Amino acid sequence: MAGSTAAANPPPRGDYDTLIDVDAEGVDLGETDLEFHDFHTGDNIHGKIPAGQHRLYEPPSALENDPNRPVSIWTVHFYAQFFNVETSDVLQRCLYALYPRVSFVDTVGDNPDLYGPFWIASTVILVLFFSSTLAGAIASHVAGMRYEYNFALLSAAAALMYGYTFIVPIVLWGVLKWYRSEHARLLECVTLYGYANTIWVPVALVSISPIEIFNFPTVSNVVRWVSAAVGFAVSTTFLVRNLYPVLNSTEAKTSRILLVGVVLAHMALAFVVKLVFFA
């Protein structure tokens, strides 16, 4: 109905001509004078807001690269500073731990790290499990018995090495702080204990003892005890040599007690390594 009404009542002639005239005129964009106006006012900003506060967005790089900006302990950037060490530095520190002739604290200087302690502990865990498994397999083969893998040893090695590497130095640092030692630094304590465990890698490899293939279990056991004793002696010398100046900053009686405690704790570690993994 609407369509028929529109057809029956066409628009007036005058209006139709007007529409045609407007459409016919057109606009030549090529001849239009277009100008782009610069609305940037620069630093001459008028108003009540200071010029320095007109910047609503600050690039992240300007904030993140500020060395004086505090970093939260819940961020990756906080812990990244403790892994800022080269591979050559880690290897050199491992050699100093195996041959404790110079002061390790002076060698580390102001750059103690967590990279070495973490990877050394992880390496010792794997080597202990591998060596213990292989030694057990050899002993079972010589005895004509079937060897059953004990993966609980892997969990035991992880608990032992990670616990000793990180928990023991934290406890020692807390005790030193309790006795008001001014030279106790947590990161240095963890670094010392971490690199002290380097010796257990060759100790575990020697404890495989291929002599047992020739059915000499007693000789193999002696070799393992000797290797554990050497590991204890080397690592204890390394720890005592570097911890003694810190322990000596407390009272004489306290320093002696702490020194005995350090030695006994390390002796316990050596016994656990021998009796649990190479009994």
C-alpha atoms as a PDB file:
ATOM      1  CA  MET A   1       0.000   0.000   0.000  1.00  0.00           C
ATOM      2  CA  ALA A   2       2.837   2.387   0.836  1.00  0.00           C
ATOM      3  CA  GLY A   3       4.528   1.689  -2.491  1.00  0.00           C
ATOM      4  CA  SER A   4       1.328   2.264  -4.468  1.00  0.00           C
ATOM      5  CA  THR A   5       0.659   5.531  -2.619  1.00  0.00           C
ATOM      6  CA  ALA A   6       4.152   6.833  -3.422  1.00  0.00           C
ATOM      7  CA  ALA A   7       3.704   5.927  -7.056  1.00  0.00           C
ATOM      8  CA  ALA A   8       0.293   7.568  -7.166  1.00  0.00           C
ATOM      9  CA  ASN A   9       1.532  10.779  -5.591  1.00  0.00           C
ATOM     10  CA  PRO A  10       4.915  11.697  -7.208  1.00  0.00           C
ATOM     11  CA  PRO A  11       6.922  14.530  -5.636  1.00  0.00           C
ATOM     12  CA  PRO A  12       6.360  18.023  -6.963  1.00  0.00           C
ATOM     13  CA  ARG A  13       8.304  18.980 -10.038  1.00  0.00           C
ATOM     14  CA  GLY A  14      10.179  21.777  -8.334  1.00  0.00           C
ATOM     15  CA  ASP A  15      11.561  19.625  -5.583  1.00  0.00           C
ATOM     16  CA  TYR A  16      12.711  17.016  -8.047  1.00  0.00           C
ATOM     17  CA  ASP A  17      14.652  19.564 -10.062  1.00  0.00           C
ATOM     18  CA  THR A  18      16.311  20.818  -6.929  1.00  0.00           C
ATOM     19  CA  LEU A  19      17.592  17.375  -6.055  1.00  0.00           C
ATOM     20  CA  ILE A  20      18.913  16.889  -9.547  1.00  0.00           C
ATOM     21  CA  ASP A  21      20.699  20.219  -9.460  1.00  0.00           C
ATOM     22  CA  VAL A  22      22.448  19.456  -6.198  1.00  0.00           C
ATOM     23  CA  ASP A  23      23.627  16.066  -7.375  1.00  0.00           C
ATOM     24  CA  ALA A  24      24.774  17.412 -10.641  1.00  0.00           C
ATOM     25  CA  GLU A  25      26.947  20.115  -9.190  1.00  0.00           C
ATOM     26  CA  GLY A  26      29.351  17.651  -7.482  1.00  0.00           C
ATOM     27  CA  VAL A  27      32.522  18.549  -5.724  1.00  0.00           C
ATOM     28  CA  ASP A  28      35.938  18.459  -7.308  1.00  0.00           C
ATOM     29  CA  LEU A  29      38.162  17.171  -4.519  1.00  0.00           C
ATOM     30  CA  GLY A  30      41.228  17.786  -6.575  1.00  0.00           C
ATOM     31  CA  GLU A  31      40.624  21.544  -6.528  1.00  0.00           C
ATOM     32  CA  THR A  32      39.647  21.730  -2.863  1.00  0.00           C
ATOM     33  CA  ASP A  33      42.098  23.648  -0.731  1.00  0.00           C
ATOM     34  CA  LEU A  34      42.712  21.304   2.216  1.00  0.00           C
ATOM     35  CA  GLU A  35      45.071  22.331   4.961  1.00  0.00           C
ATOM     36  CA  PHE A  36      46.232  20.327   7.974  1.00  0.00           C
ATOM     37  CA  HIS A  37      46.464  22.405  11.090  1.00  0.00           C
ATOM     38  CA  ASP A  38      49.046  21.713  13.759  1.00  0.00           C
ATOM     39  CA  PHE A  39      47.275  21.391  17.072  1.00  0.00           C
ATOM     40  CA  HIS A  40      50.503  20.589  19.002  1.00  0.00           C
ATOM     41  CA  THR A  41      51.142  23.329  21.476  1.00  0.00           C
ATOM     42  CA  GLY A  42      54.570  22.099  22.625  1.00  0.00           C
ATOM     43  CA  ASP A  43      55.609  23.147  26.059  1.00  0.00           C
ATOM     44  CA  ASN A  44      53.503  26.314  26.053  1.00  0.00           C
ATOM     45  CA  ILE A  45      50.497  24.671  27.673  1.00  0.00           C
ATOM     46  CA  HIS A  46      48.046  27.052  29.248  1.00  0.00           C
ATOM     47  CA  GLY A  47      45.964  25.964  32.180  1.00  0.00           C
ATOM     48  CA  LYS A  48      46.212  24.968  35.791  1.00  0.00           C
ATOM     49  CA  ILE A  49      47.999  21.624  35.182  1.00  0.00           C
ATOM     50  CA  PRO A  50      51.830  21.960  35.229  1.00  0.00           C
ATOM     51  CA  ALA A  51      53.595  21.182  31.982  1.00  0.00           C
ATOM     52  CA  GLY A  52      55.477  18.243  33.477  1.00  0.00           C
ATOM     53  CA  GLN A  53      52.238  16.502  34.430  1.00  0.00           C
ATOM     54  CA  HIS A  54      50.629  16.465  30.983  1.00  0.00           C
ATOM     55  CA  ARG A  55      52.432  13.186  30.214  1.00  0.00           C
ATOM     56  CA  LEU A  56      49.930  10.577  31.317  1.00  0.00           C
ATOM     57  CA  TYR A  57      51.984   7.538  30.181  1.00  0.00           C
ATOM     58  CA  GLU A  58      55.544   6.760  31.179  1.00  0.00           C
ATOM     59  CA  PRO A  59      57.402   4.127  29.086  1.00  0.00           C
ATOM     60  CA  PRO A  60      58.106   0.958  31.111  1.00  0.00           C
ATOM     61  CA  SER A  61      61.785   1.051  30.234  1.00  0.00           C
ATOM     62  CA  ALA A  62      62.217   4.330  32.044  1.00  0.00           C
ATOM     63  CA  LEU A  63      60.876   2.750  35.214  1.00  0.00           C
ATOM     64  CA  GLU A  64      62.454  -0.684  34.993  1.00  0.00           C
ATOM     65  CA  ASN A  65      65.950   0.607  34.239  1.00  0.00           C
ATOM     66  CA  ASP A  66      66.056   2.770  37.329  1.00  0.00           C
ATOM     67  CA  PRO A  67      68.758   1.206  39.567  1.00  0.00           C
ATOM     68  CA  ASN A  68      67.364   2.969  42.635  1.00  0.00           C
ATOM     69  CA  ARG A  69      63.901   1.500  42.172  1.00  0.00           C
ATOM     70  CA  PRO A  70      63.182  -1.134  44.872  1.00  0.00           C
ATOM     71  CA  VAL A  71      62.519  -4.675  43.629  1.00  0.00           C
ATOM     72  CA  SER A  72      60.061  -6.975  45.363  1.00  0.00           C
ATOM     73  CA  ILE A  73      61.251 -10.383  46.564  1.00  0.00           C
ATOM     74  CA  TRP A  74      58.238 -11.908  44.797  1.00  0.00           C
ATOM     75  CA  THR A  75      59.576 -10.979  41.360  1.00  0.00           C
ATOM     76  CA  VAL A  76      62.029 -12.786  39.102  1.00  0.00           C
ATOM     77  CA  HIS A  77      64.224  -9.662  38.895  1.00  0.00           C
ATOM     78  CA  PHE A  78      65.023  -9.917  42.598  1.00  0.00           C
ATOM     79  CA  TYR A  79      66.497 -13.420  42.287  1.00  0.00           C
ATOM     80  CA  ALA A  80      68.140 -12.803  38.904  1.00  0.00           C
ATOM     81  CA  GLN A  81      70.891 -10.782  40.591  1.00  0.00           C
ATOM     82  CA  PHE A  82      72.004 -13.900  42.484  1.00  0.00           C
ATOM     83  CA  PHE A  83      72.513 -15.830  39.234  1.00  0.00           C
ATOM     84  CA  ASN A  84      74.623 -13.141  37.573  1.00  0.00           C
ATOM     85  CA  VAL A  85      77.762 -15.239  37.209  1.00  0.00           C
ATOM     86  CA  GLU A  86      79.718 -16.654  34.286  1.00  0.00           C
ATOM     87  CA  THR A  87      80.342 -20.359  33.742  1.00  0.00           C
ATOM     88  CA  SER A  88      84.080 -19.768  34.005  1.00  0.00           C
ATOM     89  CA  ASP A  89      83.572 -18.200  37.440  1.00  0.00           C
ATOM     90  CA  VAL A  90      81.557 -21.209  38.630  1.00  0.00           C
ATOM     91  CA  LEU A  91      84.223 -23.644  37.419  1.00  0.00           C
ATOM     92  CA  GLN A  92      86.966 -21.621  39.067  1.00  0.00           C
ATOM     93  CA  ARG A  93      85.079 -21.596  42.357  1.00  0.00           C
ATOM     94  CA  CYS A  94      84.564 -25.351  42.138  1.00  0.00           C
ATOM     95  CA  LEU A  95      88.319 -25.804  41.740  1.00  0.00           C
ATOM     96  CA  TYR A  96      88.968 -23.595  44.766  1.00  0.00           C
ATOM     97  CA  ALA A  97      86.518 -25.752  46.754  1.00  0.00           C
ATOM     98  CA  LEU A  98      88.347 -28.928  45.725  1.00  0.00           C
ATOM     99  CA  TYR A  99      91.724 -27.395  46.500  1.00  0.00           C
ATOM    100  CA  PRO A 100      91.091 -25.004  49.419  1.00  0.00           C
ATOM    101  CA  ARG A 101      94.452 -23.268  49.381  1.00  0.00           C
ATOM    102  CA  VAL A 102      93.250 -19.665  49.017  1.00  0.00           C
ATOM    103  CA  SER A 103      90.483 -17.739  50.750  1.00  0.00           C
ATOM    104  CA  PHE A 104      87.248 -18.474  48.942  1.00  0.00           C
ATOM    105  CA  VAL A 105      85.525 -15.418  50.419  1.00  0.00           C
ATOM    106  CA  ASP A 106      88.205 -13.135  48.972  1.00  0.00           C
ATOM    107  CA  THR A 107      87.861 -14.867  45.603  1.00  0.00           C
ATOM    108  CA  VAL A 108      84.095 -14.422  45.524  1.00  0.00           C
ATOM    109  CA  GLY A 109      84.324 -10.816  46.666  1.00  0.00           C
ATOM    110  CA  ASP A 110      81.075  -8.912  46.302  1.00  0.00           C
ATOM    111  CA  ASN A 111      79.579 -11.410  43.863  1.00  0.00           C
ATOM    112  CA  PRO A 112      78.364 -14.513  45.746  1.00  0.00           C
ATOM    113  CA  ASP A 113      75.889 -16.547  43.737  1.00  0.00           C
ATOM    114  CA  LEU A 114      73.144 -19.139  43.998  1.00  0.00           C
ATOM    115  CA  TYR A 115      73.733 -20.558  40.528  1.00  0.00           C
ATOM    116  CA  GLY A 116      76.660 -22.716  41.621  1.00  0.00           C
ATOM    117  CA  PRO A 117      75.103 -24.056  44.839  1.00  0.00           C
ATOM    118  CA  PHE A 118      71.874 -25.015  43.067  1.00  0.00           C
ATOM    119  CA  TRP A 119      73.486 -26.829  40.140  1.00  0.00           C
ATOM    120  CA  ILE A 120      76.164 -28.459  42.289  1.00  0.00           C
ATOM    121  CA  ALA A 121      73.509 -29.854  44.632  1.00  0.00           C
ATOM    122  CA  SER A 122      71.456 -31.048  41.640  1.00  0.00           C
ATOM    123  CA  THR A 123      74.518 -32.700  40.092  1.00  0.00           C
ATOM    124  CA  VAL A 124      75.444 -34.430  43.358  1.00  0.00           C
ATOM    125  CA  ILE A 125      71.877 -35.762  43.649  1.00  0.00           C
ATOM    126  CA  LEU A 126      71.975 -37.352  40.204  1.00  0.00           C
ATOM    127  CA  VAL A 127      75.520 -38.682  40.622  1.00  0.00           C
ATOM    128  CA  LEU A 128      74.716 -40.197  44.021  1.00  0.00           C
ATOM    129  CA  PHE A 129      71.662 -41.973  42.640  1.00  0.00           C
ATOM    130  CA  PHE A 130      73.507 -43.158  39.523  1.00  0.00           C
ATOM    131  CA  SER A 131      76.571 -44.367  41.441  1.00  0.00           C
ATOM    132  CA  SER A 132      74.535 -46.082  44.145  1.00  0.00           C
ATOM    133  CA  THR A 133      72.362 -47.824  41.559  1.00  0.00           C
ATOM    134  CA  LEU A 134      75.335 -48.973  39.501  1.00  0.00           C
ATOM    135  CA  ALA A 135      77.247 -50.176  42.571  1.00  0.00           C
ATOM    136  CA  GLY A 136      74.195 -52.112  43.741  1.00  0.00           C
ATOM    137  CA  ALA A 137      73.703 -53.633  40.300  1.00  0.00           C
ATOM    138  CA  ILE A 138      77.336 -54.785  40.212  1.00  0.00           C
ATOM    139  CA  ALA A 139      77.088 -56.316  43.683  1.00  0.00           C
ATOM    140  CA  SER A 140      73.863 -58.130  42.770  1.00  0.00           C
ATOM    141  CA  HIS A 141      75.375 -59.421  39.533  1.00  0.00           C
ATOM    142  CA  VAL A 142      78.417 -60.806  41.359  1.00  0.00           C
ATOM    143  CA  ALA A 143      76.174 -62.461  43.958  1.00  0.00           C
ATOM    144  CA  GLY A 144      73.964 -63.941  41.242  1.00  0.00           C
ATOM    145  CA  MET A 145      70.890 -62.063  42.437  1.00  0.00           C
ATOM    146  CA  ARG A 146      68.376 -59.911  40.619  1.00  0.00           C
ATOM    147  CA  TYR A 147      68.789 -56.211  41.310  1.00  0.00           C
ATOM    148  CA  GLU A 148      65.719 -54.106  42.045  1.00  0.00           C
ATOM    149  CA  TYR A 149      65.930 -50.376  41.431  1.00  0.00           C
ATOM    150  CA  ASN A 150      65.249 -48.249  44.471  1.00  0.00           C
ATOM    151  CA  PHE A 151      63.979 -44.864  43.345  1.00  0.00           C
ATOM    152  CA  ALA A 152      63.515 -43.838  46.962  1.00  0.00           C
ATOM    153  CA  LEU A 153      67.261 -43.178  46.918  1.00  0.00           C
ATOM    154  CA  LEU A 154      66.662 -40.334  44.463  1.00  0.00           C
ATOM    155  CA  SER A 155      64.215 -38.670  46.847  1.00  0.00           C
ATOM    156  CA  ALA A 156      66.610 -39.252  49.731  1.00  0.00           C
ATOM    157  CA  ALA A 157      69.474 -37.665  47.799  1.00  0.00           C
ATOM    158  CA  ALA A 158      67.346 -34.635  46.921  1.00  0.00           C
ATOM    159  CA  ALA A 159      66.206 -34.123  50.511  1.00  0.00           C
ATOM    160  CA  LEU A 160      69.752 -34.568  51.819  1.00  0.00           C
ATOM    161  CA  MET A 161      71.607 -32.291  49.416  1.00  0.00           C
ATOM    162  CA  TYR A 162      69.041 -29.519  49.004  1.00  0.00           C
ATOM    163  CA  GLY A 163      68.410 -29.493  52.739  1.00  0.00           C
ATOM    164  CA  TYR A 164      72.096 -29.386  53.628  1.00  0.00           C
ATOM    165  CA  THR A 165      72.899 -26.791  50.953  1.00  0.00           C
ATOM    166  CA  PHE A 166      70.214 -24.294  51.915  1.00  0.00           C
ATOM    167  CA  ILE A 167      68.764 -25.083  55.361  1.00  0.00           C
ATOM    168  CA  VAL A 168      72.032 -25.582  57.282  1.00  0.00           C
ATOM    169  CA  PRO A 169      73.615 -22.252  56.205  1.00  0.00           C
ATOM    170  CA  ILE A 170      70.354 -20.429  56.948  1.00  0.00           C
ATOM    171  CA  VAL A 171      70.349 -21.889  60.468  1.00  0.00           C
ATOM    172  CA  LEU A 172      74.027 -20.989  60.928  1.00  0.00           C
ATOM    173  CA  TRP A 173      73.391 -17.450  59.719  1.00  0.00           C
ATOM    174  CA  GLY A 174      70.467 -17.112  62.127  1.00  0.00           C
ATOM    175  CA  VAL A 175      72.600 -18.278  65.052  1.00  0.00           C
ATOM    176  CA  LEU A 176      75.361 -15.840  64.122  1.00  0.00           C
ATOM    177  CA  LYS A 177      72.842 -13.012  63.941  1.00  0.00           C
ATOM    178  CA  TRP A 178      71.486 -14.058  67.328  1.00  0.00           C
ATOM    179  CA  TYR A 179      74.976 -13.633  68.770  1.00  0.00           C
ATOM    180  CA  ARG A 180      75.278 -10.246  67.016  1.00  0.00           C
ATOM    181  CA  SER A 181      77.925 -11.185  64.495  1.00  0.00           C
ATOM    182  CA  GLU A 182      78.508  -8.253  62.160  1.00  0.00           C
ATOM    183  CA  HIS A 183      80.236 -10.336  59.486  1.00  0.00           C
ATOM    184  CA  ALA A 184      77.493 -12.918  58.905  1.00  0.00           C
ATOM    185  CA  ARG A 185      75.933 -12.681  55.448  1.00  0.00           C
ATOM    186  CA  LEU A 186      73.287 -15.146  54.372  1.00  0.00           C
ATOM    187  CA  LEU A 187      74.211 -15.318  50.690  1.00  0.00           C
ATOM    188  CA  GLU A 188      77.882 -15.933  51.475  1.00  0.00           C
ATOM    189  CA  CYS A 189      76.968 -18.775  53.859  1.00  0.00           C
ATOM    190  CA  VAL A 190      74.797 -20.451  51.216  1.00  0.00           C
ATOM    191  CA  THR A 191      77.529 -19.981  48.614  1.00  0.00           C
ATOM    192  CA  LEU A 192      80.143 -21.594  50.881  1.00  0.00           C
ATOM    193  CA  TYR A 193      78.024 -24.626  51.683  1.00  0.00           C
ATOM    194  CA  GLY A 194      76.953 -24.998  48.074  1.00  0.00           C
ATOM    195  CA  TYR A 195      80.466 -25.090  46.660  1.00  0.00           C
ATOM    196  CA  ALA A 196      81.681 -27.264  49.546  1.00  0.00           C
ATOM    197  CA  ASN A 197      79.520 -30.071  48.131  1.00  0.00           C
ATOM    198  CA  THR A 198      81.579 -30.198  44.929  1.00  0.00           C
ATOM    199  CA  ILE A 199      83.815 -32.900  46.427  1.00  0.00           C
ATOM    200  CA  TRP A 200      80.919 -35.368  46.646  1.00  0.00           C
ATOM    201  CA  VAL A 201      80.796 -35.743  42.867  1.00  0.00           C
ATOM    202  CA  PRO A 202      84.209 -37.501  42.602  1.00  0.00           C
ATOM    203  CA  VAL A 203      83.547 -39.310  45.898  1.00  0.00           C
ATOM    204  CA  ALA A 204      80.362 -40.826  44.486  1.00  0.00           C
ATOM    205  CA  LEU A 205      82.061 -41.839  41.232  1.00  0.00           C
ATOM    206  CA  VAL A 206      84.964 -43.500  43.057  1.00  0.00           C
ATOM    207  CA  SER A 207      82.501 -45.352  45.289  1.00  0.00           C
ATOM    208  CA  ILE A 208      81.215 -47.340  42.311  1.00  0.00           C
ATOM    209  CA  SER A 209      84.366 -49.421  42.895  1.00  0.00           C
ATOM    210  CA  PRO A 210      84.752 -51.778  39.920  1.00  0.00           C
ATOM    211  CA  ILE A 211      87.013 -53.894  42.173  1.00  0.00           C
ATOM    212  CA  GLU A 212      83.818 -55.535  43.379  1.00  0.00           C
ATOM    213  CA  ILE A 213      83.476 -57.216  39.987  1.00  0.00           C
ATOM    214  CA  PHE A 214      86.354 -59.487  41.021  1.00  0.00           C
ATOM    215  CA  ASN A 215      84.434 -60.472  44.159  1.00  0.00           C
ATOM    216  CA  PHE A 216      86.385 -58.346  46.641  1.00  0.00           C
ATOM    217  CA  PRO A 217      83.551 -56.681  48.581  1.00  0.00           C
ATOM    218  CA  THR A 218      85.750 -55.912  51.594  1.00  0.00           C
ATOM    219  CA  VAL A 219      88.271 -54.028  49.473  1.00  0.00           C
ATOM    220  CA  SER A 220      85.446 -52.134  47.780  1.00  0.00           C
ATOM    221  CA  ASN A 221      84.009 -51.162  51.130  1.00  0.00           C
ATOM    222  CA  VAL A 222      87.402 -49.893  52.300  1.00  0.00           C
ATOM    223  CA  VAL A 223      87.712 -47.805  49.132  1.00  0.00           C
ATOM    224  CA  ARG A 224      84.307 -46.260  49.814  1.00  0.00           C
ATOM    225  CA  TRP A 225      85.154 -45.444  53.411  1.00  0.00           C
ATOM    226  CA  VAL A 226      88.439 -43.863  52.352  1.00  0.00           C
ATOM    227  CA  SER A 227      86.757 -41.806  49.630  1.00  0.00           C
ATOM    228  CA  ALA A 228      84.083 -40.616  52.085  1.00  0.00           C
ATOM    229  CA  ALA A 229      86.798 -39.676  54.594  1.00  0.00           C
ATOM    230  CA  VAL A 230      88.715 -37.740  51.947  1.00  0.00           C
ATOM    231  CA  GLY A 231      85.538 -35.950  50.905  1.00  0.00           C
ATOM    232  CA  PHE A 232      84.835 -35.041  54.513  1.00  0.00           C
ATOM    233  CA  ALA A 233      88.389 -33.788  55.087  1.00  0.00           C
ATOM    234  CA  VAL A 234      88.516 -31.638  51.946  1.00  0.00           C
ATOM    235  CA  SER A 235      85.083 -30.064  52.358  1.00  0.00           C
ATOM    236  CA  THR A 236      85.526 -29.507  56.103  1.00  0.00           C
ATOM    237  CA  THR A 237      88.859 -27.779  55.516  1.00  0.00           C
ATOM    238  CA  PHE A 238      87.177 -25.575  52.939  1.00  0.00           C
ATOM    239  CA  LEU A 239      84.321 -24.657  55.287  1.00  0.00           C
ATOM    240  CA  VAL A 240      86.422 -24.080  58.403  1.00  0.00           C
ATOM    241  CA  ARG A 241      89.010 -22.017  56.547  1.00  0.00           C
ATOM    242  CA  ASN A 242      86.360 -19.622  55.269  1.00  0.00           C
ATOM    243  CA  LEU A 243      83.906 -19.663  58.167  1.00  0.00           C
ATOM    244  CA  TYR A 244      86.444 -19.252  60.958  1.00  0.00           C
ATOM    245  CA  PRO A 245      86.819 -15.442  60.580  1.00  0.00           C
ATOM    246  CA  VAL A 246      83.032 -15.103  60.774  1.00  0.00           C
ATOM    247  CA  LEU A 247      82.684 -17.473  63.728  1.00  0.00           C
ATOM    248  CA  ASN A 248      85.565 -15.762  65.488  1.00  0.00           C
ATOM    249  CA  SER A 249      83.639 -12.472  65.470  1.00  0.00           C
ATOM    250  CA  THR A 250      81.501 -13.839  68.316  1.00  0.00           C
ATOM    251  CA  GLU A 251      82.668 -14.599  71.856  1.00  0.00           C
ATOM    252  CA  ALA A 252      85.464 -17.142  72.245  1.00  0.00           C
ATOM    253  CA  LYS A 253      83.277 -19.807  73.843  1.00  0.00           C
ATOM    254  CA  THR A 254      80.493 -19.285  71.311  1.00  0.00           C
ATOM    255  CA  SER A 255      82.868 -19.447  68.357  1.00  0.00           C
ATOM    256  CA  ARG A 256      84.305 -22.767  69.556  1.00  0.00           C
ATOM    257  CA  ILE A 257      80.843 -24.257  69.999  1.00  0.00           C
ATOM    258  CA  LEU A 258      79.776 -23.096  66.542  1.00  0.00           C
ATOM    259  CA  LEU A 259      82.971 -24.441  64.995  1.00  0.00           C
ATOM    260  CA  VAL A 260      82.405 -27.862  66.563  1.00  0.00           C
ATOM    261  CA  GLY A 261      78.810 -27.772  65.369  1.00  0.00           C
ATOM    262  CA  VAL A 262      79.890 -27.049  61.787  1.00  0.00           C
ATOM    263  CA  VAL A 263      82.365 -29.955  61.832  1.00  0.00           C
ATOM    264  CA  LEU A 264      79.885 -32.401  63.393  1.00  0.00           C
ATOM    265  CA  ALA A 265      77.148 -31.471  60.914  1.00  0.00           C
ATOM    266  CA  HIS A 266      79.515 -32.080  58.030  1.00  0.00           C
ATOM    267  CA  MET A 267      80.663 -35.364  59.536  1.00  0.00           C
ATOM    268  CA  ALA A 268      77.028 -36.445  59.747  1.00  0.00           C
ATOM    269  CA  LEU A 269      76.632 -35.638  56.050  1.00  0.00           C
ATOM    270  CA  ALA A 270      79.634 -37.818  55.181  1.00  0.00           C
ATOM    271  CA  PHE A 271      78.264 -40.736  57.207  1.00  0.00           C
ATOM    272  CA  VAL A 272      74.843 -40.454  55.567  1.00  0.00           C
ATOM    273  CA  VAL A 273      76.389 -40.429  52.095  1.00  0.00           C
ATOM    274  CA  LYS A 274      78.403 -43.553  52.873  1.00  0.00           C
ATOM    275  CA  LEU A 275      75.814 -45.570  54.801  1.00  0.00           C
ATOM    276  CA  VAL A 276      72.692 -44.702  52.801  1.00  0.00           C
ATOM    277  CA  PHE A 277      74.075 -44.817  49.274  1.00  0.00           C
ATOM    278  CA  PHE A 278      77.121 -47.107  49.528  1.00  0.00           C
ATOM    279  CA  ALA A 279      76.465 -49.425  52.468  1.00  0.00           C
END
